[in-house]
N, C-alpha and C. Protein backbone atom coordinates (compact mmCIF):
# COMPACT_ATOMS: atom_id res chain seq x y z
N MET A 1 11.28 40.57 -20.15
CA MET A 1 11.13 40.56 -18.70
C MET A 1 11.59 41.90 -18.13
N ALA A 2 10.78 42.42 -17.26
CA ALA A 2 11.08 43.70 -16.64
C ALA A 2 12.07 43.50 -15.49
N ALA A 3 13.00 44.46 -15.35
CA ALA A 3 13.91 44.44 -14.20
C ALA A 3 13.12 44.91 -12.99
N LEU A 4 13.15 44.14 -11.95
CA LEU A 4 12.31 44.44 -10.78
C LEU A 4 13.13 45.09 -9.68
N LYS A 5 12.50 46.01 -8.97
CA LYS A 5 13.14 46.65 -7.83
C LYS A 5 13.06 45.72 -6.62
N GLU A 6 13.86 46.01 -5.63
CA GLU A 6 13.97 45.14 -4.45
C GLU A 6 12.65 44.90 -3.73
N PRO A 7 11.80 45.91 -3.49
CA PRO A 7 10.53 45.65 -2.79
C PRO A 7 9.63 44.67 -3.55
N VAL A 8 9.67 44.73 -4.88
CA VAL A 8 8.85 43.81 -5.69
C VAL A 8 9.40 42.40 -5.56
N LYS A 9 10.72 42.26 -5.61
CA LYS A 9 11.35 40.94 -5.46
C LYS A 9 11.00 40.33 -4.10
N ILE A 10 11.07 41.14 -3.06
CA ILE A 10 10.76 40.66 -1.71
C ILE A 10 9.30 40.22 -1.63
N PHE A 11 8.42 41.00 -2.22
CA PHE A 11 6.99 40.64 -2.24
C PHE A 11 6.78 39.30 -2.95
N ILE A 12 7.44 39.12 -4.08
CA ILE A 12 7.30 37.87 -4.84
C ILE A 12 7.81 36.69 -4.03
N VAL A 13 8.98 36.82 -3.45
CA VAL A 13 9.58 35.72 -2.68
C VAL A 13 8.69 35.36 -1.49
N GLN A 14 8.20 36.35 -0.77
CA GLN A 14 7.36 36.07 0.39
C GLN A 14 6.03 35.44 -0.02
N SER A 15 5.47 35.89 -1.13
CA SER A 15 4.21 35.30 -1.60
C SER A 15 4.39 33.85 -2.00
N LEU A 16 5.47 33.56 -2.70
CA LEU A 16 5.74 32.18 -3.10
C LEU A 16 6.02 31.30 -1.89
N ALA A 17 6.68 31.86 -0.89
CA ALA A 17 6.97 31.10 0.33
C ALA A 17 5.69 30.76 1.08
N CYS A 18 4.65 31.56 0.88
CA CYS A 18 3.34 31.29 1.52
C CYS A 18 2.45 30.44 0.61
N PHE A 19 3.07 29.72 -0.32
CA PHE A 19 2.39 28.75 -1.19
C PHE A 19 1.41 29.37 -2.18
N ASP A 20 1.57 30.65 -2.51
CA ASP A 20 0.78 31.22 -3.60
C ASP A 20 1.36 30.69 -4.91
N THR A 21 0.51 30.49 -5.90
CA THR A 21 0.99 30.02 -7.20
C THR A 21 1.67 31.18 -7.93
N PRO A 22 2.56 30.88 -8.86
CA PRO A 22 3.20 31.96 -9.62
C PRO A 22 2.18 32.86 -10.33
N GLN A 23 1.09 32.29 -10.81
CA GLN A 23 0.06 33.11 -11.47
C GLN A 23 -0.62 34.05 -10.47
N GLN A 24 -0.90 33.55 -9.27
CA GLN A 24 -1.49 34.40 -8.23
C GLN A 24 -0.54 35.54 -7.88
N VAL A 25 0.75 35.23 -7.79
CA VAL A 25 1.75 36.25 -7.45
C VAL A 25 1.85 37.28 -8.58
N ALA A 26 1.86 36.82 -9.82
CA ALA A 26 1.93 37.75 -10.96
C ALA A 26 0.73 38.69 -10.95
N ASP A 27 -0.45 38.15 -10.67
CA ASP A 27 -1.65 38.98 -10.60
C ASP A 27 -1.56 39.98 -9.45
N ALA A 28 -1.03 39.53 -8.30
CA ALA A 28 -0.91 40.41 -7.14
C ALA A 28 0.10 41.53 -7.40
N VAL A 29 1.19 41.22 -8.10
CA VAL A 29 2.18 42.25 -8.45
C VAL A 29 1.55 43.28 -9.38
N GLN A 30 0.76 42.80 -10.35
CA GLN A 30 0.07 43.71 -11.27
C GLN A 30 -0.87 44.63 -10.50
N GLN A 31 -1.60 44.05 -9.56
CA GLN A 31 -2.58 44.82 -8.80
C GLN A 31 -1.91 45.79 -7.82
N ARG A 32 -0.87 45.32 -7.13
CA ARG A 32 -0.26 46.12 -6.07
C ARG A 32 0.76 47.14 -6.58
N PHE A 33 1.59 46.71 -7.55
CA PHE A 33 2.67 47.59 -8.01
C PHE A 33 2.42 48.15 -9.41
N GLY A 34 1.42 47.63 -10.12
CA GLY A 34 1.14 48.09 -11.47
C GLY A 34 2.17 47.63 -12.48
N ILE A 35 2.88 46.54 -12.17
CA ILE A 35 3.91 46.01 -13.06
C ILE A 35 3.41 44.70 -13.66
N GLU A 36 3.46 44.61 -14.98
CA GLU A 36 3.03 43.39 -15.67
C GLU A 36 4.21 42.43 -15.75
N ILE A 37 4.10 41.29 -15.07
CA ILE A 37 5.15 40.28 -15.15
C ILE A 37 4.53 38.93 -15.49
N ASP A 38 5.36 38.06 -16.00
CA ASP A 38 4.93 36.73 -16.41
C ASP A 38 5.05 35.77 -15.23
N ARG A 39 4.23 34.75 -15.21
CA ARG A 39 4.31 33.79 -14.10
C ARG A 39 5.64 33.04 -14.11
N ARG A 40 6.25 32.90 -15.29
CA ARG A 40 7.57 32.24 -15.36
C ARG A 40 8.63 33.09 -14.67
N GLN A 41 8.47 34.40 -14.76
CA GLN A 41 9.42 35.28 -14.08
C GLN A 41 9.24 35.14 -12.57
N CYS A 42 8.00 34.98 -12.11
CA CYS A 42 7.75 34.76 -10.68
C CYS A 42 8.38 33.45 -10.22
N GLU A 43 8.29 32.42 -11.05
CA GLU A 43 8.85 31.12 -10.70
C GLU A 43 10.35 31.20 -10.46
N GLY A 44 11.00 32.14 -11.10
CA GLY A 44 12.43 32.32 -10.92
C GLY A 44 12.81 32.78 -9.52
N TYR A 45 11.84 33.19 -8.74
CA TYR A 45 12.09 33.63 -7.36
C TYR A 45 11.73 32.56 -6.34
N ASP A 46 11.48 31.35 -6.80
CA ASP A 46 11.16 30.22 -5.92
C ASP A 46 12.35 29.26 -5.92
N PRO A 47 13.14 29.23 -4.84
CA PRO A 47 14.34 28.38 -4.82
C PRO A 47 14.03 26.88 -4.83
N THR A 48 12.78 26.50 -4.63
CA THR A 48 12.43 25.08 -4.68
C THR A 48 12.20 24.62 -6.12
N LYS A 49 12.15 25.54 -7.05
CA LYS A 49 11.95 25.22 -8.47
C LYS A 49 13.29 25.30 -9.21
N PHE A 50 13.36 24.60 -10.33
CA PHE A 50 14.58 24.59 -11.13
C PHE A 50 14.94 25.99 -11.60
N SER A 51 13.94 26.75 -12.00
CA SER A 51 14.21 28.10 -12.51
C SER A 51 14.70 29.06 -11.42
N GLY A 52 14.51 28.69 -10.16
CA GLY A 52 14.96 29.55 -9.07
C GLY A 52 16.29 29.13 -8.47
N ARG A 53 17.02 28.27 -9.17
CA ARG A 53 18.27 27.74 -8.63
C ARG A 53 19.35 28.80 -8.49
N ASN A 54 19.28 29.88 -9.26
CA ASN A 54 20.31 30.93 -9.22
C ASN A 54 19.88 32.13 -8.39
N LEU A 55 18.88 31.97 -7.55
CA LEU A 55 18.40 33.06 -6.72
C LEU A 55 19.47 33.47 -5.72
N SER A 56 19.55 34.75 -5.40
CA SER A 56 20.59 35.23 -4.48
C SER A 56 20.40 34.63 -3.09
N LYS A 57 21.49 34.54 -2.36
CA LYS A 57 21.45 33.95 -1.02
C LYS A 57 20.50 34.72 -0.11
N LYS A 58 20.49 36.03 -0.24
CA LYS A 58 19.62 36.88 0.58
C LYS A 58 18.15 36.51 0.36
N LEU A 59 17.76 36.35 -0.90
CA LEU A 59 16.36 36.02 -1.20
C LEU A 59 16.04 34.57 -0.84
N LYS A 60 17.01 33.67 -0.98
CA LYS A 60 16.80 32.28 -0.55
C LYS A 60 16.55 32.22 0.95
N ASP A 61 17.37 32.97 1.70
CA ASP A 61 17.19 33.00 3.16
C ASP A 61 15.83 33.59 3.54
N LEU A 62 15.42 34.64 2.83
CA LEU A 62 14.11 35.24 3.08
C LEU A 62 13.01 34.23 2.80
N PHE A 63 13.14 33.49 1.70
CA PHE A 63 12.15 32.46 1.35
C PHE A 63 12.07 31.42 2.46
N THR A 64 13.21 30.93 2.90
CA THR A 64 13.26 29.88 3.94
C THR A 64 12.64 30.37 5.24
N ARG A 65 13.01 31.58 5.67
CA ARG A 65 12.46 32.14 6.91
C ARG A 65 10.95 32.34 6.81
N THR A 66 10.50 32.88 5.68
CA THR A 66 9.07 33.15 5.50
C THR A 66 8.28 31.86 5.49
N ARG A 67 8.77 30.84 4.80
CA ARG A 67 8.06 29.56 4.73
C ARG A 67 8.01 28.92 6.12
N LYS A 68 9.12 28.99 6.86
CA LYS A 68 9.16 28.42 8.21
C LYS A 68 8.14 29.12 9.11
N ASP A 69 8.11 30.44 9.07
CA ASP A 69 7.15 31.21 9.87
C ASP A 69 5.71 30.90 9.45
N PHE A 70 5.50 30.78 8.15
CA PHE A 70 4.15 30.50 7.64
C PHE A 70 3.65 29.16 8.15
N ARG A 71 4.51 28.16 8.11
CA ARG A 71 4.11 26.83 8.58
C ARG A 71 3.93 26.80 10.09
N ALA A 72 4.73 27.56 10.82
CA ALA A 72 4.65 27.56 12.28
C ALA A 72 3.41 28.31 12.78
N ASN A 73 2.96 29.31 12.05
CA ASN A 73 1.85 30.14 12.50
C ASN A 73 0.57 29.85 11.72
N ILE A 74 0.23 28.60 11.63
CA ILE A 74 -0.96 28.20 10.88
C ILE A 74 -2.24 28.75 11.51
N GLU A 75 -2.21 29.01 12.81
CA GLU A 75 -3.42 29.52 13.46
C GLU A 75 -3.76 30.94 13.02
N ASP A 76 -2.83 31.62 12.35
CA ASP A 76 -3.12 32.95 11.82
C ASP A 76 -4.05 32.89 10.61
N ILE A 77 -4.16 31.72 10.00
CA ILE A 77 -5.04 31.54 8.85
C ILE A 77 -6.44 31.25 9.38
N ALA A 78 -7.38 32.07 8.99
CA ALA A 78 -8.73 31.98 9.56
C ALA A 78 -9.36 30.61 9.39
N ILE A 79 -9.24 30.02 8.23
CA ILE A 79 -9.93 28.75 7.97
C ILE A 79 -9.33 27.60 8.78
N ALA A 80 -8.14 27.78 9.33
CA ALA A 80 -7.55 26.75 10.18
C ALA A 80 -8.18 26.75 11.57
N ASN A 81 -8.97 27.76 11.87
CA ASN A 81 -9.62 27.88 13.18
C ASN A 81 -11.00 27.24 13.13
N LYS A 82 -11.27 26.33 14.06
CA LYS A 82 -12.55 25.60 14.07
C LYS A 82 -13.74 26.54 14.22
N ALA A 83 -13.63 27.56 15.07
CA ALA A 83 -14.74 28.49 15.28
C ALA A 83 -15.06 29.23 13.98
N PHE A 84 -14.04 29.62 13.24
CA PHE A 84 -14.26 30.29 11.96
C PHE A 84 -14.98 29.36 10.98
N ARG A 85 -14.54 28.11 10.91
CA ARG A 85 -15.17 27.16 9.98
C ARG A 85 -16.62 26.94 10.33
N LEU A 86 -16.91 26.81 11.63
CA LEU A 86 -18.30 26.61 12.05
C LEU A 86 -19.15 27.84 11.75
N LYS A 87 -18.58 29.02 11.94
CA LYS A 87 -19.31 30.25 11.64
C LYS A 87 -19.64 30.32 10.15
N GLU A 88 -18.67 29.97 9.31
CA GLU A 88 -18.90 29.96 7.86
C GLU A 88 -19.95 28.92 7.48
N LEU A 89 -19.89 27.74 8.10
CA LEU A 89 -20.90 26.71 7.83
C LEU A 89 -22.29 27.20 8.24
N GLN A 90 -22.36 27.92 9.37
CA GLN A 90 -23.64 28.47 9.81
C GLN A 90 -24.18 29.47 8.79
N GLY A 91 -23.29 30.32 8.28
CA GLY A 91 -23.70 31.28 7.26
C GLY A 91 -24.20 30.60 6.00
N MET A 92 -23.50 29.55 5.58
CA MET A 92 -23.94 28.79 4.40
C MET A 92 -25.27 28.12 4.65
N TYR A 93 -25.45 27.61 5.86
CA TYR A 93 -26.71 26.95 6.23
C TYR A 93 -27.86 27.96 6.16
N ASP A 94 -27.62 29.15 6.72
CA ASP A 94 -28.66 30.18 6.71
C ASP A 94 -29.00 30.63 5.28
N ASP A 95 -28.00 30.65 4.40
CA ASP A 95 -28.21 31.09 3.02
C ASP A 95 -28.74 30.00 2.10
N SER A 96 -28.82 28.77 2.58
CA SER A 96 -29.18 27.66 1.70
C SER A 96 -30.66 27.58 1.39
N GLY A 97 -31.48 28.36 2.07
CA GLY A 97 -32.91 28.42 1.77
C GLY A 97 -33.60 27.08 1.96
N LYS A 98 -34.28 26.61 0.92
CA LYS A 98 -35.04 25.36 1.02
C LYS A 98 -34.30 24.17 0.43
N ASN A 99 -33.03 24.33 0.16
CA ASN A 99 -32.23 23.25 -0.41
C ASN A 99 -31.89 22.24 0.69
N LYS A 100 -32.70 21.21 0.80
CA LYS A 100 -32.56 20.25 1.89
C LYS A 100 -31.28 19.43 1.79
N ARG A 101 -30.89 19.08 0.59
CA ARG A 101 -29.67 18.27 0.43
C ARG A 101 -28.45 19.06 0.89
N LEU A 102 -28.38 20.33 0.51
CA LEU A 102 -27.27 21.17 0.94
C LEU A 102 -27.28 21.33 2.46
N LYS A 103 -28.46 21.56 3.03
CA LYS A 103 -28.55 21.70 4.48
C LYS A 103 -28.08 20.43 5.18
N GLN A 104 -28.47 19.28 4.64
CA GLN A 104 -28.07 18.01 5.23
C GLN A 104 -26.54 17.85 5.18
N ASN A 105 -25.94 18.19 4.06
CA ASN A 105 -24.48 18.10 3.94
C ASN A 105 -23.77 19.08 4.88
N LEU A 106 -24.34 20.27 5.04
CA LEU A 106 -23.74 21.25 5.95
C LEU A 106 -23.85 20.80 7.40
N LEU A 107 -24.99 20.21 7.75
CA LEU A 107 -25.14 19.68 9.11
C LEU A 107 -24.14 18.56 9.37
N LYS A 108 -23.97 17.70 8.39
CA LYS A 108 -23.01 16.60 8.52
C LYS A 108 -21.59 17.16 8.70
N GLN A 109 -21.24 18.16 7.89
CA GLN A 109 -19.92 18.77 7.99
C GLN A 109 -19.71 19.42 9.36
N ALA A 110 -20.73 20.13 9.85
CA ALA A 110 -20.63 20.77 11.16
C ALA A 110 -20.48 19.73 12.26
N PHE A 111 -21.21 18.62 12.15
CA PHE A 111 -21.08 17.55 13.14
C PHE A 111 -19.67 16.98 13.13
N GLN A 112 -19.12 16.77 11.95
CA GLN A 112 -17.76 16.24 11.86
C GLN A 112 -16.74 17.22 12.43
N GLU A 113 -16.97 18.50 12.24
CA GLU A 113 -16.07 19.51 12.80
C GLU A 113 -16.09 19.47 14.33
N THR A 114 -17.28 19.40 14.90
CA THR A 114 -17.38 19.44 16.37
C THR A 114 -17.01 18.10 16.98
N ASP A 115 -17.18 17.01 16.24
CA ASP A 115 -16.86 15.68 16.74
C ASP A 115 -15.37 15.40 16.65
N GLY A 116 -14.64 16.21 15.93
CA GLY A 116 -13.21 16.02 15.79
C GLY A 116 -12.82 15.08 14.68
N ARG A 117 -13.75 14.68 13.86
CA ARG A 117 -13.42 13.73 12.80
C ARG A 117 -12.60 14.38 11.69
N VAL A 118 -12.77 15.65 11.50
CA VAL A 118 -12.06 16.31 10.41
C VAL A 118 -10.66 16.70 10.85
N THR A 119 -10.53 17.21 12.06
CA THR A 119 -9.25 17.77 12.49
C THR A 119 -8.34 16.77 13.18
N LYS A 120 -8.88 15.73 13.78
CA LYS A 120 -8.05 14.80 14.54
C LYS A 120 -7.96 13.45 13.83
N GLN A 121 -7.32 13.44 12.70
CA GLN A 121 -7.19 12.21 11.94
C GLN A 121 -5.87 11.55 12.30
N GLU A 122 -5.87 10.85 13.42
CA GLU A 122 -4.67 10.19 13.90
C GLU A 122 -4.97 8.71 14.08
N ILE A 123 -4.13 7.89 13.54
CA ILE A 123 -4.33 6.45 13.66
C ILE A 123 -3.33 5.93 14.68
N THR A 124 -3.86 5.25 15.69
CA THR A 124 -2.99 4.70 16.72
C THR A 124 -3.40 3.27 17.02
N GLY A 125 -2.54 2.60 17.73
CA GLY A 125 -2.83 1.23 18.15
C GLY A 125 -3.62 1.24 19.45
N LYS A 126 -3.59 0.10 20.15
CA LYS A 126 -4.33 -0.04 21.39
C LYS A 126 -3.83 0.95 22.44
N ASP A 127 -4.76 1.60 23.13
CA ASP A 127 -4.47 2.57 24.20
C ASP A 127 -3.60 3.74 23.72
N GLY A 128 -3.74 4.12 22.46
CA GLY A 128 -3.01 5.27 21.94
C GLY A 128 -1.56 5.01 21.61
N LYS A 129 -1.12 3.78 21.74
CA LYS A 129 0.27 3.45 21.43
C LYS A 129 0.44 3.33 19.91
N PRO A 130 1.68 3.37 19.45
CA PRO A 130 1.90 3.21 18.02
C PRO A 130 1.44 1.84 17.53
N ILE A 131 1.04 1.79 16.28
CA ILE A 131 0.63 0.53 15.68
C ILE A 131 1.87 -0.33 15.48
N GLU A 132 1.78 -1.56 15.94
CA GLU A 132 2.91 -2.47 15.79
C GLU A 132 2.88 -3.08 14.40
N THR A 133 4.02 -3.07 13.77
CA THR A 133 4.14 -3.70 12.46
C THR A 133 5.16 -4.82 12.55
N VAL A 134 4.90 -5.88 11.82
CA VAL A 134 5.80 -7.02 11.82
C VAL A 134 6.26 -7.26 10.39
N ASN A 135 7.54 -7.28 10.21
CA ASN A 135 8.12 -7.58 8.90
C ASN A 135 8.80 -8.92 8.97
N SER A 136 8.49 -9.79 8.04
CA SER A 136 9.16 -11.09 8.01
C SER A 136 9.47 -11.43 6.56
N ASN A 137 10.60 -12.05 6.36
CA ASN A 137 10.99 -12.47 5.02
C ASN A 137 10.31 -13.79 4.70
N VAL A 138 9.58 -13.80 3.62
CA VAL A 138 8.83 -14.99 3.22
C VAL A 138 9.24 -15.32 1.79
N SER A 139 9.40 -16.60 1.54
CA SER A 139 9.75 -17.00 0.18
C SER A 139 8.57 -16.76 -0.75
N THR A 140 8.86 -16.63 -2.00
CA THR A 140 7.81 -16.36 -2.99
C THR A 140 6.81 -17.49 -3.04
N GLU A 141 7.28 -18.74 -2.93
CA GLU A 141 6.39 -19.89 -2.98
C GLU A 141 5.40 -19.87 -1.81
N SER A 142 5.90 -19.59 -0.59
CA SER A 142 5.00 -19.55 0.58
C SER A 142 3.99 -18.43 0.46
N TYR A 143 4.44 -17.29 -0.07
CA TYR A 143 3.52 -16.17 -0.25
C TYR A 143 2.41 -16.54 -1.22
N LEU A 144 2.79 -17.11 -2.36
CA LEU A 144 1.79 -17.48 -3.37
C LEU A 144 0.83 -18.53 -2.83
N GLU A 145 1.36 -19.47 -2.05
CA GLU A 145 0.52 -20.52 -1.45
C GLU A 145 -0.49 -19.91 -0.47
N ALA A 146 -0.03 -19.02 0.39
CA ALA A 146 -0.91 -18.37 1.36
C ALA A 146 -1.94 -17.49 0.64
N ARG A 147 -1.52 -16.84 -0.40
CA ARG A 147 -2.42 -15.99 -1.17
C ARG A 147 -3.53 -16.81 -1.80
N GLU A 148 -3.17 -17.95 -2.37
CA GLU A 148 -4.18 -18.83 -2.97
C GLU A 148 -5.18 -19.31 -1.93
N ARG A 149 -4.69 -19.66 -0.71
CA ARG A 149 -5.59 -20.10 0.36
C ARG A 149 -6.58 -19.01 0.73
N VAL A 150 -6.10 -17.79 0.84
CA VAL A 150 -6.97 -16.67 1.20
C VAL A 150 -7.99 -16.42 0.10
N LEU A 151 -7.55 -16.44 -1.14
CA LEU A 151 -8.47 -16.21 -2.25
C LEU A 151 -9.50 -17.32 -2.35
N ASP A 152 -9.10 -18.55 -2.05
CA ASP A 152 -10.05 -19.68 -2.08
C ASP A 152 -11.09 -19.56 -0.97
N ASP A 153 -10.68 -19.01 0.19
CA ASP A 153 -11.62 -18.85 1.31
C ASP A 153 -12.69 -17.82 0.99
N TYR A 154 -12.37 -16.84 0.18
CA TYR A 154 -13.33 -15.79 -0.13
C TYR A 154 -13.81 -15.95 -1.53
């Protein structure tokens, strides 16, 4: 394992905090810094993994801050934007040529995007209130009896 300089360590920690896989990070380090490292070495910079349990406090704090910012700023990711997704779907539709099945699937996907079916998956009760749940203690015999009645009905 190569001893890494501070900028490389910071890059690895920030990449892992943004949910990149250790292999993706190792490839990025190779490409950006010209340093060949193993994905296991990258895993050592992820405090959520067992191998990262001995990470310095400074790098743990950096990981925590970066992950918090990443989750808070989801709109910075292009694919999280509905307009971007629709634009990409339009491009795929234009490139699909005479493939009718693909066009049909793309139209369906675009409809779901604009209808809110993909992005607004929220389950609520009547008038938007929370769904009411009822918990009751039932004896095993009563449960089995009720189950048999239901199974007999169907």
